[in-house]
């Protein structure tokens, strides 16, 4: 998608950007287990950066919020509200 805003305040443009980002269903990385790390970056930094990556896909549309999931009582550990990436 590409569009152009003219004669608009930067606050309005930023508000539109936030709304568009919020309406795209995404999955966020919440739990990271690092088995071995030989890089100069520490584990917490890598885990934090992975959590900032928005993951999109068809699966995101059908997922439940973990707080609303009846299958696992909101702990986020079932097939309806979580995905395991290896």
PDB file of N, CA and C in Angstrom:
ATOM      1  N   UNK A   1       0.834  -1.155   0.000  1.00  0.00           N
ATOM      2  CA  UNK A   1       0.000   0.000   0.000  1.00  0.00           C
ATOM      3  C   UNK A   1       0.888   1.230   0.000  1.00  0.00           C
ATOM      4  N   UNK A   2       0.503   2.193  -0.796  1.00  0.00           N
ATOM      5  CA  UNK A   2       1.241   3.441  -0.842  1.00  0.00           C
ATOM      6  C   UNK A   2       0.240   4.573  -0.972  1.00  0.00           C
ATOM      7  N   UNK A   3       0.405   5.594  -0.166  1.00  0.00           N
ATOM      8  CA  UNK A   3      -0.443   6.768  -0.281  1.00  0.00           C
ATOM      9  C   UNK A   3       0.360   7.993   0.110  1.00  0.00           C
ATOM     10  N   UNK A   4      -0.188   9.144  -0.215  1.00  0.00           N
ATOM     11  CA  UNK A   4       0.521  10.390   0.018  1.00  0.00           C
ATOM     12  C   UNK A   4      -0.379  11.347   0.788  1.00  0.00           C
ATOM     13  N   UNK A   5       0.157  11.959   1.827  1.00  0.00           N
ATOM     14  CA  UNK A   5      -0.562  12.973   2.597  1.00  0.00           C
ATOM     15  C   UNK A   5      -0.003  14.342   2.240  1.00  0.00           C
ATOM     16  N   UNK A   6      -0.903  15.269   2.003  1.00  0.00           N
ATOM     17  CA  UNK A   6      -0.469  16.635   1.684  1.00  0.00           C
ATOM     18  C   UNK A   6      -1.152  17.610   2.631  1.00  0.00           C
ATOM     19  N   UNK A   7      -0.453  18.677   2.937  1.00  0.00           N
ATOM     20  CA  UNK A   7      -0.984  19.739   3.795  1.00  0.00           C
ATOM     21  C   UNK A   7      -1.570  19.176   5.085  1.00  0.00           C
ATOM     22  N   UNK A   8      -0.847  18.255   5.700  1.00  0.00           N
ATOM     23  CA  UNK A   8      -1.303  17.602   6.921  1.00  0.00           C
ATOM     24  C   UNK A   8      -0.257  17.783   8.012  1.00  0.00           C
ATOM     25  N   UNK A   9      -0.738  17.986   9.212  1.00  0.00           N
ATOM     26  CA  UNK A   9       0.151  18.105  10.359  1.00  0.00           C
ATOM     27  C   UNK A   9       0.820  16.758  10.632  1.00  0.00           C
ATOM     28  N   UNK A  10       2.023  16.779  11.152  1.00  0.00           N
ATOM     29  CA  UNK A  10       2.736  15.525  11.427  1.00  0.00           C
ATOM     30  C   UNK A  10       2.035  14.698  12.503  1.00  0.00           C
ATOM     31  N   UNK A  11       1.288  15.338  13.396  1.00  0.00           N
ATOM     32  CA  UNK A  11       0.541  14.600  14.425  1.00  0.00           C
ATOM     33  C   UNK A  11      -0.542  13.732  13.794  1.00  0.00           C
ATOM     34  N   UNK A  12      -1.216  14.253  12.792  1.00  0.00           N
ATOM     35  CA  UNK A  12      -2.260  13.492  12.094  1.00  0.00           C
ATOM     36  C   UNK A  12      -1.632  12.331  11.335  1.00  0.00           C
ATOM     37  N   UNK A  13      -0.524  12.580  10.664  1.00  0.00           N
ATOM     38  CA  UNK A  13       0.156  11.515   9.924  1.00  0.00           C
ATOM     39  C   UNK A  13       0.621  10.410  10.868  1.00  0.00           C
ATOM     40  N   UNK A  14       1.144  10.775  12.023  1.00  0.00           N
ATOM     41  CA  UNK A  14       1.604   9.783  12.989  1.00  0.00           C
ATOM     42  C   UNK A  14       0.428   9.005  13.571  1.00  0.00           C
ATOM     43  N   UNK A  15      -0.698   9.677  13.819  1.00  0.00           N
ATOM     44  CA  UNK A  15      -1.886   8.990  14.325  1.00  0.00           C
ATOM     45  C   UNK A  15      -2.396   7.974  13.307  1.00  0.00           C
ATOM     46  N   UNK A  16      -2.412   8.342  12.035  1.00  0.00           N
ATOM     47  CA  UNK A  16      -2.824   7.401  10.984  1.00  0.00           C
ATOM     48  C   UNK A  16      -1.884   6.202  10.920  1.00  0.00           C
ATOM     49  N   UNK A  17      -0.603   6.447  11.062  1.00  0.00           N
ATOM     50  CA  UNK A  17       0.374   5.354  11.046  1.00  0.00           C
ATOM     51  C   UNK A  17       0.126   4.391  12.203  1.00  0.00           C
ATOM     52  N   UNK A  18      -0.118   4.922  13.384  1.00  0.00           N
ATOM     53  CA  UNK A  18      -0.388   4.072  14.551  1.00  0.00           C
ATOM     54  C   UNK A  18      -1.661   3.252  14.366  1.00  0.00           C
ATOM     55  N   UNK A  19      -2.692   3.857  13.816  1.00  0.00           N
ATOM     56  CA  UNK A  19      -3.952   3.147  13.595  1.00  0.00           C
ATOM     57  C   UNK A  19      -3.761   2.023  12.588  1.00  0.00           C
ATOM     58  N   UNK A  20      -3.047   2.289  11.503  1.00  0.00           N
ATOM     59  CA  UNK A  20      -2.827   1.258  10.482  1.00  0.00           C
ATOM     60  C   UNK A  20      -2.005   0.098  11.039  1.00  0.00           C
ATOM     61  N   UNK A  21      -1.007   0.388  11.839  1.00  0.00           N
ATOM     62  CA  UNK A  21      -0.194  -0.672  12.435  1.00  0.00           C
ATOM     63  C   UNK A  21      -1.019  -1.495  13.413  1.00  0.00           C
ATOM     64  N   UNK A  22      -1.882  -0.838  14.181  1.00  0.00           N
ATOM     65  CA  UNK A  22      -2.686  -1.536  15.186  1.00  0.00           C
ATOM     66  C   UNK A  22      -3.721  -2.465  14.563  1.00  0.00           C
ATOM     67  N   UNK A  23      -4.173  -2.171  13.360  1.00  0.00           N
ATOM     68  CA  UNK A  23      -5.224  -2.964  12.736  1.00  0.00           C
ATOM     69  C   UNK A  23      -4.705  -4.201  12.005  1.00  0.00           C
ATOM     70  N   UNK A  24      -3.400  -4.348  11.862  1.00  0.00           N
ATOM     71  CA  UNK A  24      -2.831  -5.532  11.226  1.00  0.00           C
ATOM     72  C   UNK A  24      -2.581  -6.576  12.309  1.00  0.00           C
ATOM     73  N   UNK A  25      -3.234  -7.754  12.222  1.00  0.00           N
ATOM     74  CA  UNK A  25      -3.014  -8.774  13.248  1.00  0.00           C
ATOM     75  C   UNK A  25      -1.581  -9.315  13.192  1.00  0.00           C
ATOM     76  N   UNK A  26      -0.926  -9.307  14.330  1.00  0.00           N
ATOM     77  CA  UNK A  26       0.450  -9.785  14.410  1.00  0.00           C
ATOM     78  C   UNK A  26       0.613 -10.711  15.610  1.00  0.00           C
ATOM     79  N   UNK A  27       1.665 -11.486  15.574  1.00  0.00           N
ATOM     80  CA  UNK A  27       2.048 -12.352  16.680  1.00  0.00           C
ATOM     81  C   UNK A  27       3.387 -11.825  17.192  1.00  0.00           C
ATOM     82  N   UNK A  28       3.535 -11.750  18.495  1.00  0.00           N
ATOM     83  CA  UNK A  28       4.794 -11.291  19.087  1.00  0.00           C
ATOM     84  C   UNK A  28       5.480 -12.453  19.797  1.00  0.00           C
ATOM     85  N   UNK A  29       6.789 -12.441  19.784  1.00  0.00           N
ATOM     86  CA  UNK A  29       7.573 -13.454  20.490  1.00  0.00           C
ATOM     87  C   UNK A  29       7.611 -13.066  21.962  1.00  0.00           C
ATOM     88  N   UNK A  30       7.169 -13.977  22.820  1.00  0.00           N
ATOM     89  CA  UNK A  30       7.049 -13.677  24.246  1.00  0.00           C
ATOM     90  C   UNK A  30       8.060 -14.451  25.090  1.00  0.00           C
ATOM     91  N   UNK A  31       8.277 -15.700  24.778  1.00  0.00           N
ATOM     92  CA  UNK A  31       9.165 -16.554  25.571  1.00  0.00           C
ATOM     93  C   UNK A  31      10.288 -17.054  24.668  1.00  0.00           C
ATOM     94  N   UNK A  32      11.520 -16.807  25.067  1.00  0.00           N
ATOM     95  CA  UNK A  32      12.688 -17.214  24.278  1.00  0.00           C
ATOM     96  C   UNK A  32      13.587 -18.070  25.152  1.00  0.00           C
ATOM     97  N   UNK A  33      13.973 -19.227  24.641  1.00  0.00           N
ATOM     98  CA  UNK A  33      14.942 -20.084  25.320  1.00  0.00           C
ATOM     99  C   UNK A  33      16.183 -20.176  24.440  1.00  0.00           C
ATOM    100  N   UNK A  34      17.285 -19.672  24.932  1.00  0.00           N
ATOM    101  CA  UNK A  34      18.547 -19.702  24.190  1.00  0.00           C
ATOM    102  C   UNK A  34      19.405 -20.804  24.779  1.00  0.00           C
ATOM    103  N   UNK A  35      19.733 -21.804  23.962  1.00  0.00           N
ATOM    104  CA  UNK A  35      20.510 -22.951  24.436  1.00  0.00           C
ATOM    105  C   UNK A  35      22.003 -22.674  24.427  1.00  0.00           C
ATOM    106  N   UNK A  36      22.458 -21.926  23.447  1.00  0.00           N
ATOM    107  CA  UNK A  36      23.876 -21.608  23.358  1.00  0.00           C
ATOM    108  C   UNK A  36      24.059 -20.286  22.646  1.00  0.00           C
ATOM    109  N   UNK A  37      24.906 -19.425  23.172  1.00  0.00           N
ATOM    110  CA  UNK A  37      25.119 -18.115  22.580  1.00  0.00           C
ATOM    111  C   UNK A  37      26.608 -17.818  22.587  1.00  0.00           C
ATOM    112  N   UNK A  38      27.205 -17.776  21.405  1.00  0.00           N
ATOM    113  CA  UNK A  38      28.631 -17.472  21.307  1.00  0.00           C
ATOM    114  C   UNK A  38      28.871 -16.072  20.739  1.00  0.00           C
ATOM    115  N   UNK A  39      27.805 -15.278  20.620  1.00  0.00           N
ATOM    116  CA  UNK A  39      27.952 -13.932  20.071  1.00  0.00           C
ATOM    117  C   UNK A  39      28.348 -12.950  21.172  1.00  0.00           C
ATOM    118  N   UNK A  40      28.660 -11.730  20.768  1.00  0.00           N
ATOM    119  CA  UNK A  40      29.020 -10.697  21.737  1.00  0.00           C
ATOM    120  C   UNK A  40      27.778 -10.104  22.407  1.00  0.00           C
ATOM    121  N   UNK A  41      26.604 -10.389  21.884  1.00  0.00           N
ATOM    122  CA  UNK A  41      25.360  -9.875  22.456  1.00  0.00           C
ATOM    123  C   UNK A  41      24.869 -10.806  23.553  1.00  0.00           C
ATOM    124  N   UNK A  42      24.403 -10.236  24.663  1.00  0.00           N
ATOM    125  CA  UNK A  42      23.933 -11.094  25.744  1.00  0.00           C
ATOM    126  C   UNK A  42      22.531 -11.630  25.442  1.00  0.00           C
ATOM    127  N   UNK A  43      22.146 -12.665  26.153  1.00  0.00           N
ATOM    128  CA  UNK A  43      20.882 -13.361  25.901  1.00  0.00           C
ATOM    129  C   UNK A  43      19.674 -12.451  26.070  1.00  0.00           C
ATOM    130  N   UNK A  44      19.687 -11.594  27.082  1.00  0.00           N
ATOM    131  CA  UNK A  44      18.555 -10.714  27.340  1.00  0.00           C
ATOM    132  C   UNK A  44      18.348  -9.725  26.196  1.00  0.00           C
ATOM    133  N   UNK A  45      19.440  -9.217  25.636  1.00  0.00           N
ATOM    134  CA  UNK A  45      19.348  -8.282  24.520  1.00  0.00           C
ATOM    135  C   UNK A  45      18.741  -8.968  23.302  1.00  0.00           C
ATOM    136  N   UNK A  46      19.191 -10.173  23.002  1.00  0.00           N
ATOM    137  CA  UNK A  46      18.660 -10.925  21.863  1.00  0.00           C
ATOM    138  C   UNK A  46      17.188 -11.236  22.075  1.00  0.00           C
ATOM    139  N   UNK A  47      16.812 -11.661  23.275  1.00  0.00           N
ATOM    140  CA  UNK A  47      15.413 -11.966  23.576  1.00  0.00           C
ATOM    141  C   UNK A  47      14.539 -10.733  23.419  1.00  0.00           C
ATOM    142  N   UNK A  48      15.017  -9.601  23.910  1.00  0.00           N
ATOM    143  CA  UNK A  48      14.257  -8.356  23.796  1.00  0.00           C
ATOM    144  C   UNK A  48      14.060  -7.959  22.338  1.00  0.00           C
ATOM    145  N   UNK A  49      15.120  -8.044  21.544  1.00  0.00           N
ATOM    146  CA  UNK A  49      15.030  -7.674  20.124  1.00  0.00           C
ATOM    147  C   UNK A  49      14.097  -8.608  19.360  1.00  0.00           C
ATOM    148  N   UNK A  50      14.101  -9.894  19.692  1.00  0.00           N
ATOM    149  CA  UNK A  50      13.174 -10.830  19.059  1.00  0.00           C
ATOM    150  C   UNK A  50      11.733 -10.478  19.400  1.00  0.00           C
ATOM    151  N   UNK A  51      11.485 -10.023  20.620  1.00  0.00           N
ATOM    152  CA  UNK A  51      10.146  -9.632  21.032  1.00  0.00           C
ATOM    153  C   UNK A  51       9.624  -8.407  20.308  1.00  0.00           C
ATOM    154  N   UNK A  52      10.502  -7.611  19.741  1.00  0.00           N
ATOM    155  CA  UNK A  52      10.087  -6.418  19.004  1.00  0.00           C
ATOM    156  C   UNK A  52       9.693  -6.718  17.561  1.00  0.00           C
ATOM    157  N   UNK A  53       9.963  -7.928  17.091  1.00  0.00           N
ATOM    158  CA  UNK A  53       9.632  -8.286  15.711  1.00  0.00           C
ATOM    159  C   UNK A  53       8.152  -8.648  15.588  1.00  0.00           C
ATOM    160  N   UNK A  54       7.391  -7.932  14.763  1.00  0.00           N
ATOM    161  CA  UNK A  54       6.003  -8.345  14.537  1.00  0.00           C
ATOM    162  C   UNK A  54       5.961  -9.456  13.489  1.00  0.00           C
ATOM    163  N   UNK A  55       5.301 -10.546  13.803  1.00  0.00           N
ATOM    164  CA  UNK A  55       5.171 -11.671  12.883  1.00  0.00           C
ATOM    165  C   UNK A  55       3.743 -11.685  12.360  1.00  0.00           C
ATOM    166  N   UNK A  56       3.581 -11.690  11.043  1.00  0.00           N
ATOM    167  CA  UNK A  56       2.248 -11.698  10.449  1.00  0.00           C
ATOM    168  C   UNK A  56       2.035 -13.002   9.698  1.00  0.00           C
ATOM    169  N   UNK A  57       0.795 -13.288   9.414  1.00  0.00           N
ATOM    170  CA  UNK A  57       0.467 -14.486   8.656  1.00  0.00           C
ATOM    171  C   UNK A  57      -0.989 -14.854   8.841  1.00  0.00           C
ATOM    172  N   UNK A  58      -1.425 -15.871   8.113  1.00  0.00           N
ATOM    173  CA  UNK A  58      -2.812 -16.311   8.212  1.00  0.00           C
ATOM    174  C   UNK A  58      -3.136 -16.831   9.603  1.00  0.00           C
ATOM    175  N   UNK A  59      -2.184 -17.439  10.256  1.00  0.00           N
ATOM    176  CA  UNK A  59      -2.406 -17.994  11.601  1.00  0.00           C
ATOM    177  C   UNK A  59      -2.752 -16.895  12.608  1.00  0.00           C
ATOM    178  N   UNK A  60      -2.219 -15.703  12.417  1.00  0.00           N
ATOM    179  CA  UNK A  60      -2.480 -14.600  13.344  1.00  0.00           C
ATOM    180  C   UNK A  60      -3.953 -14.212  13.365  1.00  0.00           C
ATOM    181  N   UNK A  61      -4.637 -14.359  12.233  1.00  0.00           N
ATOM    182  CA  UNK A  61      -6.057 -13.995  12.160  1.00  0.00           C
ATOM    183  C   UNK A  61      -6.925 -14.928  12.991  1.00  0.00           C
ATOM    184  N   UNK A  62      -6.543 -16.186  13.125  1.00  0.00           N
ATOM    185  CA  UNK A  62      -7.389 -17.167  13.804  1.00  0.00           C
ATOM    186  C   UNK A  62      -7.005 -17.391  15.265  1.00  0.00           C
ATOM    187  N   UNK A  63      -5.943 -16.761  15.718  1.00  0.00           N
ATOM    188  CA  UNK A  63      -5.496 -16.978  17.095  1.00  0.00           C
ATOM    189  C   UNK A  63      -6.340 -16.187  18.082  1.00  0.00           C
ATOM    190  N   UNK A  64      -6.377 -16.678  19.308  1.00  0.00           N
ATOM    191  CA  UNK A  64      -7.068 -16.001  20.400  1.00  0.00           C
ATOM    192  C   UNK A  64      -6.043 -15.244  21.236  1.00  0.00           C
ATOM    193  N   UNK A  65      -6.498 -14.209  21.916  1.00  0.00           N
ATOM    194  CA  UNK A  65      -5.652 -13.589  22.923  1.00  0.00           C
ATOM    195  C   UNK A  65      -5.513 -14.573  24.074  1.00  0.00           C
ATOM    196  N   UNK A  66      -4.326 -14.687  24.646  1.00  0.00           N
ATOM    197  CA  UNK A  66      -4.133 -15.652  25.735  1.00  0.00           C
ATOM    198  C   UNK A  66      -5.016 -15.327  26.930  1.00  0.00           C
ATOM    199  N   UNK A  67      -5.302 -14.051  27.158  1.00  0.00           N
ATOM    200  CA  UNK A  67      -6.161 -13.682  28.290  1.00  0.00           C
ATOM    201  C   UNK A  67      -7.611 -14.100  28.081  1.00  0.00           C
ATOM    202  N   UNK A  68      -8.021 -14.322  26.810  1.00  0.00           N
ATOM    203  CA  UNK A  68      -9.399 -14.700  26.491  1.00  0.00           C
ATOM    204  C   UNK A  68      -9.548 -16.175  26.161  1.00  0.00           C
ATOM    205  N   UNK A  69      -8.469 -16.943  26.239  1.00  0.00           N
ATOM    206  CA  UNK A  69      -8.499 -18.340  25.818  1.00  0.00           C
ATOM    207  C   UNK A  69      -9.125 -19.219  26.899  1.00  0.00           C
ATOM    208  N   UNK A  70     -10.161 -19.969  26.516  1.00  0.00           N
ATOM    209  CA  UNK A  70     -10.819 -20.893  27.438  1.00  0.00           C
ATOM    210  C   UNK A  70     -10.105 -22.239  27.501  1.00  0.00           C
ATOM    211  N   UNK A  71      -9.342 -22.570  26.462  1.00  0.00           N
ATOM    212  CA  UNK A  71      -8.713 -23.890  26.383  1.00  0.00           C
ATOM    213  C   UNK A  71      -7.571 -24.059  27.384  1.00  0.00           C
ATOM    214  N   UNK A  72      -6.886 -22.980  27.732  1.00  0.00           N
ATOM    215  CA  UNK A  72      -5.732 -23.108  28.633  1.00  0.00           C
ATOM    216  C   UNK A  72      -5.842 -22.206  29.857  1.00  0.00           C
ATOM    217  N   UNK A  73      -6.992 -21.647  30.097  1.00  0.00           N
ATOM    218  CA  UNK A  73      -7.231 -20.762  31.245  1.00  0.00           C
ATOM    219  C   UNK A  73      -6.314 -19.542  31.263  1.00  0.00           C
ATOM    220  N   UNK A  74      -5.941 -19.051  30.082  1.00  0.00           N
ATOM    221  CA  UNK A  74      -5.184 -17.809  29.981  1.00  0.00           C
ATOM    222  C   UNK A  74      -3.701 -17.887  30.235  1.00  0.00           C
ATOM    223  N   UNK A  75      -3.122 -19.082  30.338  1.00  0.00           N
ATOM    224  CA  UNK A  75      -1.673 -19.146  30.564  1.00  0.00           C
ATOM    225  C   UNK A  75      -0.871 -19.098  29.268  1.00  0.00           C
ATOM    226  N   UNK A  76      -1.543 -19.106  28.115  1.00  0.00           N
ATOM    227  CA  UNK A  76      -0.867 -18.946  26.836  1.00  0.00           C
ATOM    228  C   UNK A  76      -0.072 -20.136  26.377  1.00  0.00           C
ATOM    229  N   UNK A  77      -0.457 -21.337  26.759  1.00  0.00           N
ATOM    230  CA  UNK A  77       0.319 -22.520  26.409  1.00  0.00           C
ATOM    231  C   UNK A  77      -0.498 -23.555  25.646  1.00  0.00           C
ATOM    232  N   UNK A  78      -1.435 -23.129  24.823  1.00  0.00           N
ATOM    233  CA  UNK A  78      -2.210 -24.102  24.058  1.00  0.00           C
ATOM    234  C   UNK A  78      -2.138 -23.772  22.567  1.00  0.00           C
ATOM    235  N   UNK A  79      -2.677 -24.643  21.736  1.00  0.00           N
ATOM    236  CA  UNK A  79      -2.590 -24.483  20.280  1.00  0.00           C
ATOM    237  C   UNK A  79      -3.454 -23.351  19.747  1.00  0.00           C
ATOM    238  N   UNK A  80      -4.396 -22.854  20.547  1.00  0.00           N
ATOM    239  CA  UNK A  80      -5.292 -21.798  20.092  1.00  0.00           C
ATOM    240  C   UNK A  80      -4.739 -20.394  20.328  1.00  0.00           C
ATOM    241  N   UNK A  81      -3.845 -20.246  21.294  1.00  0.00           N
ATOM    242  CA  UNK A  81      -3.342 -18.903  21.608  1.00  0.00           C
ATOM    243  C   UNK A  81      -1.813 -18.815  21.602  1.00  0.00           C
ATOM    244  N   UNK A  82      -1.132 -19.852  21.141  1.00  0.00           N
ATOM    245  CA  UNK A  82       0.328 -19.794  21.080  1.00  0.00           C
ATOM    246  C   UNK A  82       0.844 -20.592  19.887  1.00  0.00           C
ATOM    247  N   UNK A  83       2.052 -20.258  19.488  1.00  0.00           N
ATOM    248  CA  UNK A  83       2.736 -20.948  18.393  1.00  0.00           C
ATOM    249  C   UNK A  83       4.161 -21.201  18.857  1.00  0.00           C
ATOM    250  N   UNK A  84       4.667 -22.390  18.596  1.00  0.00           N
ATOM    251  CA  UNK A  84       6.055 -22.689  18.944  1.00  0.00           C
ATOM    252  C   UNK A  84       6.903 -22.604  17.689  1.00  0.00           C
ATOM    253  N   UNK A  85       7.914 -21.760  17.734  1.00  0.00           N
ATOM    254  CA  UNK A  85       8.841 -21.593  16.617  1.00  0.00           C
ATOM    255  C   UNK A  85      10.172 -22.209  17.003  1.00  0.00           C
ATOM    256  N   UNK A  86      10.714 -23.039  16.131  1.00  0.00           N
ATOM    257  CA  UNK A  86      12.006 -23.680  16.398  1.00  0.00           C
ATOM    258  C   UNK A  86      13.027 -23.223  15.389  1.00  0.00           C
TER     259      UNK A  86
END
